[in-house]
Each structure stands twice: as structure tokens, then as C-alpha cells.
Amino acid sequence: MTTLDGFAALAARERGLVVVSTLRADATIQASLVNAGVLPDPDPGTAHRVLGFVTYGPVKLANLRARPQLTVTARSGWEWVAAEGAARLIGPDDPIPGIDDERLRTLLREVFVAAGGSHDDWDEYDRVMAEQRRTVVLLDPTRIYSNKPR
């Protein structure tokens, strides 16, 4: 369970629904429910997998831009697993070298699918993601722990 694969397996049992916790400026925790999944790191210099989700809310993004510490928790029944680390943001307002508009478009799709999503009209999906200025949040966990260590 205390691996990224274990995290993915447990999250999949709940359709990718996980709790994301970020740190507010006043040092309190802001939590929200999102769909997340595990996918290959889009950085061509790496060969490992990361946890990813897509967001556009101003609160989560403001917190992550100022304080990238992130905890993502999956649970199913009484089992839970948490992954911690620093978030990487990739989006129209958070550009990074090597990710142009076309790569961001496909990355948004990849994260959505990894989180258990499917879509009947990908052009519409792309339009909404661009219109809402959605951002990909990636986590390469520095710590993964659970109540079922394996």
C-alpha cells in the first residue's frame, strides 16, 4: 500500500476520488475532493510515474503557488493511504519549459483518463479546459504512508 501503485489501486476503488490538502497563508489546512490518478511524468528527462489531478479553483492554486506542500489522501472503507510532497503546476498561468499549448492540451487529457475519466467529445473537453484555464497539478511523492503498510 505504501507505494504509488498501492495509492492508485486504493483510489481506483473509489473512482479516483481523493482528498487534497493544501496549506493556507494562516497555516491552516484547506481540503477539497478531486479525482486523481497515476500517470507517467510528462518531464521527458524522467522515467517515473507521478500522481496528478486537474484544478482551476483560485484557492487551491493560490495556496500551491505560494506554498507547494501538498497531501493527497485516498480511502476506501477503513483503508487509507496518503502521499506527500511538493506540487508542480503546469497550466496557462503556470507555464514550464517544454510544455507548449498542444502538450498541455494532451496532458490535461492524460490526467483526466488516469483519474478514471472518459469523454464522448474530446474537442468539447479541450474547449472547456482552455476556457477555464485548467491547471495540471503533479505530485512526485516524497512520502507515502497508510494504515495498511506493505
C-alpha atoms as a PDB file:
ATOM      1  CA  MET A   1       0.000   0.000   0.000  1.00  0.00           C
ATOM      2  CA  THR A   2       2.838   2.415   0.709  1.00  0.00           C
ATOM      3  CA  THR A   3       3.772   2.763  -2.943  1.00  0.00           C
ATOM      4  CA  LEU A   4       2.359   4.897  -5.719  1.00  0.00           C
ATOM      5  CA  ASP A   5       0.879   1.743  -7.255  1.00  0.00           C
ATOM      6  CA  GLY A   6      -0.815   0.963  -3.944  1.00  0.00           C
ATOM      7  CA  PHE A   7      -2.150   4.505  -3.835  1.00  0.00           C
ATOM      8  CA  ALA A   8      -3.520   4.157  -7.367  1.00  0.00           C
ATOM      9  CA  ALA A   9      -5.181   0.826  -6.590  1.00  0.00           C
ATOM     10  CA  LEU A  10      -6.930   2.149  -3.498  1.00  0.00           C
ATOM     11  CA  ALA A  11      -8.022   5.392  -5.219  1.00  0.00           C
ATOM     12  CA  ALA A  12      -9.420   3.399  -8.151  1.00  0.00           C
ATOM     13  CA  ARG A  13     -11.773   1.590  -5.769  1.00  0.00           C
ATOM     14  CA  GLU A  14     -13.437   4.985  -5.192  1.00  0.00           C
ATOM     15  CA  ARG A  15     -13.370   6.123  -8.839  1.00  0.00           C
ATOM     16  CA  GLY A  16     -10.254   8.217  -8.281  1.00  0.00           C
ATOM     17  CA  LEU A  17     -11.847  10.412  -5.611  1.00  0.00           C
ATOM     18  CA  VAL A  18      -9.225  11.692  -3.208  1.00  0.00           C
ATOM     19  CA  VAL A  19      -8.876  14.481  -0.673  1.00  0.00           C
ATOM     20  CA  VAL A  20      -6.307  17.150  -1.491  1.00  0.00           C
ATOM     21  CA  SER A  21      -4.941  19.209   1.398  1.00  0.00           C
ATOM     22  CA  THR A  22      -3.063  22.461   0.866  1.00  0.00           C
ATOM     23  CA  LEU A  23      -1.649  24.983   3.312  1.00  0.00           C
ATOM     24  CA  ARG A  24      -3.270  28.412   3.638  1.00  0.00           C
ATOM     25  CA  ALA A  25      -1.283  31.565   4.409  1.00  0.00           C
ATOM     26  CA  ASP A  26      -2.546  31.451   8.024  1.00  0.00           C
ATOM     27  CA  ALA A  27      -1.057  27.927   8.415  1.00  0.00           C
ATOM     28  CA  THR A  28      -4.460  26.199   8.440  1.00  0.00           C
ATOM     29  CA  ILE A  29      -5.353  23.368   6.090  1.00  0.00           C
ATOM     30  CA  GLN A  30      -7.649  23.747   3.081  1.00  0.00           C
ATOM     31  CA  ALA A  31      -9.080  20.425   1.883  1.00  0.00           C
ATOM     32  CA  SER A  32     -11.123  19.535  -1.177  1.00  0.00           C
ATOM     33  CA  LEU A  33     -12.285  16.487  -3.072  1.00  0.00           C
ATOM     34  CA  VAL A  34     -10.893  15.853  -6.569  1.00  0.00           C
ATOM     35  CA  ASN A  35     -10.348  12.982  -8.986  1.00  0.00           C
ATOM     36  CA  ALA A  36      -6.704  11.970  -9.245  1.00  0.00           C
ATOM     37  CA  GLY A  37      -4.687   9.250 -10.901  1.00  0.00           C
ATOM     38  CA  VAL A  38      -1.183   7.997 -11.537  1.00  0.00           C
ATOM     39  CA  LEU A  39       0.486   8.643 -14.889  1.00  0.00           C
ATOM     40  CA  PRO A  40       3.952   8.867 -16.442  1.00  0.00           C
ATOM     41  CA  ASP A  41       5.774  12.065 -15.526  1.00  0.00           C
ATOM     42  CA  PRO A  42       5.488  14.418 -18.531  1.00  0.00           C
ATOM     43  CA  ASP A  43       9.056  15.602 -17.969  1.00  0.00           C
ATOM     44  CA  PRO A  44      10.978  13.864 -20.764  1.00  0.00           C
ATOM     45  CA  GLY A  45      14.034  13.686 -18.500  1.00  0.00           C
ATOM     46  CA  THR A  46      12.346  11.275 -16.111  1.00  0.00           C
ATOM     47  CA  ALA A  47      11.014   7.757 -16.438  1.00  0.00           C
ATOM     48  CA  HIS A  48       8.916   7.501 -13.296  1.00  0.00           C
ATOM     49  CA  ARG A  49       5.240   7.989 -12.537  1.00  0.00           C
ATOM     50  CA  VAL A  50       3.517  10.781 -10.643  1.00  0.00           C
ATOM     51  CA  LEU A  51       0.163  11.471  -9.063  1.00  0.00           C
ATOM     52  CA  GLY A  52      -1.880  14.030 -10.974  1.00  0.00           C
ATOM     53  CA  PHE A  53      -5.115  15.954 -10.908  1.00  0.00           C
ATOM     54  CA  VAL A  54      -6.574  18.966 -12.671  1.00  0.00           C
ATOM     55  CA  THR A  55      -7.838  22.107 -10.962  1.00  0.00           C
ATOM     56  CA  TYR A  56      -8.900  25.641 -11.689  1.00  0.00           C
ATOM     57  CA  GLY A  57     -10.115  26.921  -8.344  1.00  0.00           C
ATOM     58  CA  PRO A  58      -8.415  30.083  -7.147  1.00  0.00           C
ATOM     59  CA  VAL A  59      -7.993  28.891  -3.538  1.00  0.00           C
ATOM     60  CA  LYS A  60      -6.111  25.657  -4.208  1.00  0.00           C
ATOM     61  CA  LEU A  61      -3.929  27.241  -6.883  1.00  0.00           C
ATOM     62  CA  ALA A  62      -3.103  30.296  -4.773  1.00  0.00           C
ATOM     63  CA  ASN A  63      -2.118  28.038  -1.888  1.00  0.00           C
ATOM     64  CA  LEU A  64       0.018  25.796  -4.103  1.00  0.00           C
ATOM     65  CA  ARG A  65       1.724  28.706  -5.855  1.00  0.00           C
ATOM     66  CA  ALA A  66       2.736  30.235  -2.525  1.00  0.00           C
ATOM     67  CA  ARG A  67       3.283  27.007  -0.586  1.00  0.00           C
ATOM     68  CA  PRO A  68       3.592  23.930  -2.822  1.00  0.00           C
ATOM     69  CA  GLN A  69       3.360  21.430   0.041  1.00  0.00           C
ATOM     70  CA  LEU A  70       0.579  19.002  -0.779  1.00  0.00           C
ATOM     71  CA  THR A  71      -1.003  15.928   0.778  1.00  0.00           C
ATOM     72  CA  VAL A  72      -3.324  13.718  -1.237  1.00  0.00           C
ATOM     73  CA  THR A  73      -5.313  11.061   0.631  1.00  0.00           C
ATOM     74  CA  ALA A  74      -7.257   8.155  -0.859  1.00  0.00           C
ATOM     75  CA  ARG A  75      -9.592   5.948   1.144  1.00  0.00           C
ATOM     76  CA  SER A  76     -11.895   3.042   0.634  1.00  0.00           C
ATOM     77  CA  GLY A  77     -13.776   1.684   3.614  1.00  0.00           C
ATOM     78  CA  TRP A  78     -11.369   1.777   6.543  1.00  0.00           C
ATOM     79  CA  GLU A  79      -8.247   1.651   4.372  1.00  0.00           C
ATOM     80  CA  TRP A  80      -6.433   4.851   3.558  1.00  0.00           C
ATOM     81  CA  VAL A  81      -3.167   5.977   2.024  1.00  0.00           C
ATOM     82  CA  ALA A  82      -1.605   9.455   1.911  1.00  0.00           C
ATOM     83  CA  ALA A  83       1.027  10.855  -0.435  1.00  0.00           C
ATOM     84  CA  GLU A  84       3.003  13.981   0.441  1.00  0.00           C
ATOM     85  CA  GLY A  85       5.404  16.218  -1.399  1.00  0.00           C
ATOM     86  CA  ALA A  86       5.767  19.431  -3.342  1.00  0.00           C
ATOM     87  CA  ALA A  87       3.308  20.121  -6.137  1.00  0.00           C
ATOM     88  CA  ARG A  88       4.351  21.022  -9.656  1.00  0.00           C
ATOM     89  CA  LEU A  89       1.886  23.179 -11.558  1.00  0.00           C
ATOM     90  CA  ILE A  90       1.536  23.150 -15.340  1.00  0.00           C
ATOM     91  CA  GLY A  91      -1.043  25.369 -16.944  1.00  0.00           C
ATOM     92  CA  PRO A  92      -1.743  28.508 -18.926  1.00  0.00           C
ATOM     93  CA  ASP A  93      -0.885  30.639 -15.882  1.00  0.00           C
ATOM     94  CA  ASP A  94       1.875  28.273 -14.731  1.00  0.00           C
ATOM     95  CA  PRO A  95       3.937  27.556 -17.856  1.00  0.00           C
ATOM     96  CA  ILE A  96       7.038  25.402 -17.738  1.00  0.00           C
ATOM     97  CA  PRO A  97       9.712  24.887 -20.389  1.00  0.00           C
ATOM     98  CA  GLY A  98       8.944  22.053 -22.784  1.00  0.00           C
ATOM     99  CA  ILE A  99       5.161  22.159 -22.310  1.00  0.00           C
ATOM    100  CA  ASP A 100       3.561  24.211 -25.062  1.00  0.00           C
ATOM    101  CA  ASP A 101      -0.187  24.715 -25.601  1.00  0.00           C
ATOM    102  CA  GLU A 102      -0.552  21.480 -27.558  1.00  0.00           C
ATOM    103  CA  ARG A 103       1.312  19.421 -24.957  1.00  0.00           C
ATOM    104  CA  LEU A 104      -0.787  20.996 -22.198  1.00  0.00           C
ATOM    105  CA  ARG A 105      -3.944  20.027 -24.117  1.00  0.00           C
ATOM    106  CA  THR A 106      -2.869  16.394 -24.325  1.00  0.00           C
ATOM    107  CA  LEU A 107      -1.557  16.368 -20.733  1.00  0.00           C
ATOM    108  CA  LEU A 108      -4.928  17.560 -19.429  1.00  0.00           C
ATOM    109  CA  ARG A 109      -6.490  14.592 -21.239  1.00  0.00           C
ATOM    110  CA  GLU A 110      -3.883  12.171 -19.866  1.00  0.00           C
ATOM    111  CA  VAL A 111      -4.504  13.269 -16.277  1.00  0.00           C
ATOM    112  CA  PHE A 112      -8.283  13.057 -16.760  1.00  0.00           C
ATOM    113  CA  VAL A 113      -8.038   9.498 -18.108  1.00  0.00           C
ATOM    114  CA  ALA A 114      -5.556   8.459 -15.387  1.00  0.00           C
ATOM    115  CA  ALA A 115      -8.081   9.714 -12.826  1.00  0.00           C
ATOM    116  CA  GLY A 116     -10.712   7.380 -14.270  1.00  0.00           C
ATOM    117  CA  GLY A 117     -12.394   9.812 -16.630  1.00  0.00           C
ATOM    118  CA  SER A 118     -13.691   9.294 -20.139  1.00  0.00           C
ATOM    119  CA  HIS A 119     -15.317  11.698 -22.563  1.00  0.00           C
ATOM    120  CA  ASP A 120     -17.586  11.406 -25.578  1.00  0.00           C
ATOM    121  CA  ASP A 121     -16.463  14.705 -27.115  1.00  0.00           C
ATOM    122  CA  TRP A 122     -12.759  15.434 -26.647  1.00  0.00           C
ATOM    123  CA  ASP A 123     -12.978  18.671 -28.621  1.00  0.00           C
ATOM    124  CA  GLU A 124     -15.561  19.953 -26.129  1.00  0.00           C
ATOM    125  CA  TYR A 125     -13.386  18.766 -23.247  1.00  0.00           C
ATOM    126  CA  ASP A 126     -10.395  20.644 -24.689  1.00  0.00           C
ATOM    127  CA  ARG A 127     -12.508  23.784 -25.175  1.00  0.00           C
ATOM    128  CA  VAL A 128     -13.751  23.778 -21.569  1.00  0.00           C
ATOM    129  CA  MET A 129     -10.276  23.106 -20.147  1.00  0.00           C
ATOM    130  CA  ALA A 130      -8.844  26.043 -22.121  1.00  0.00           C
ATOM    131  CA  GLU A 131     -11.785  28.333 -21.311  1.00  0.00           C
ATOM    132  CA  GLN A 132     -11.486  27.607 -17.581  1.00  0.00           C
ATOM    133  CA  ARG A 133      -7.687  27.873 -17.704  1.00  0.00           C
ATOM    134  CA  ARG A 134      -7.329  24.487 -16.016  1.00  0.00           C
ATOM    135  CA  THR A 135      -4.018  23.603 -14.428  1.00  0.00           C
ATOM    136  CA  VAL A 136      -2.379  20.204 -14.043  1.00  0.00           C
ATOM    137  CA  VAL A 137      -1.074  19.503 -10.550  1.00  0.00           C
ATOM    138  CA  LEU A 138       1.590  16.809 -10.324  1.00  0.00           C
ATOM    139  CA  LEU A 139       2.961  15.225  -7.193  1.00  0.00           C
ATOM    140  CA  ASP A 140       6.123  13.126  -7.117  1.00  0.00           C
ATOM    141  CA  PRO A 141       5.651  11.937  -3.533  1.00  0.00           C
ATOM    142  CA  THR A 142       8.487  12.217  -1.064  1.00  0.00           C
ATOM    143  CA  ARG A 143       6.479  10.175   1.439  1.00  0.00           C
ATOM    144  CA  ILE A 144       3.648   7.652   1.096  1.00  0.00           C
ATOM    145  CA  TYR A 145       2.085   6.062   4.161  1.00  0.00           C
ATOM    146  CA  SER A 146      -1.060   4.201   5.102  1.00  0.00           C
ATOM    147  CA  ASN A 147      -2.846   2.242   7.767  1.00  0.00           C
ATOM    148  CA  LYS A 148      -2.022  -0.974   5.843  1.00  0.00           C
ATOM    149  CA  PRO A 149       1.766  -0.845   5.357  1.00  0.00           C
ATOM    150  CA  ARG A 150       3.081  -3.378   2.868  1.00  0.00           C
END
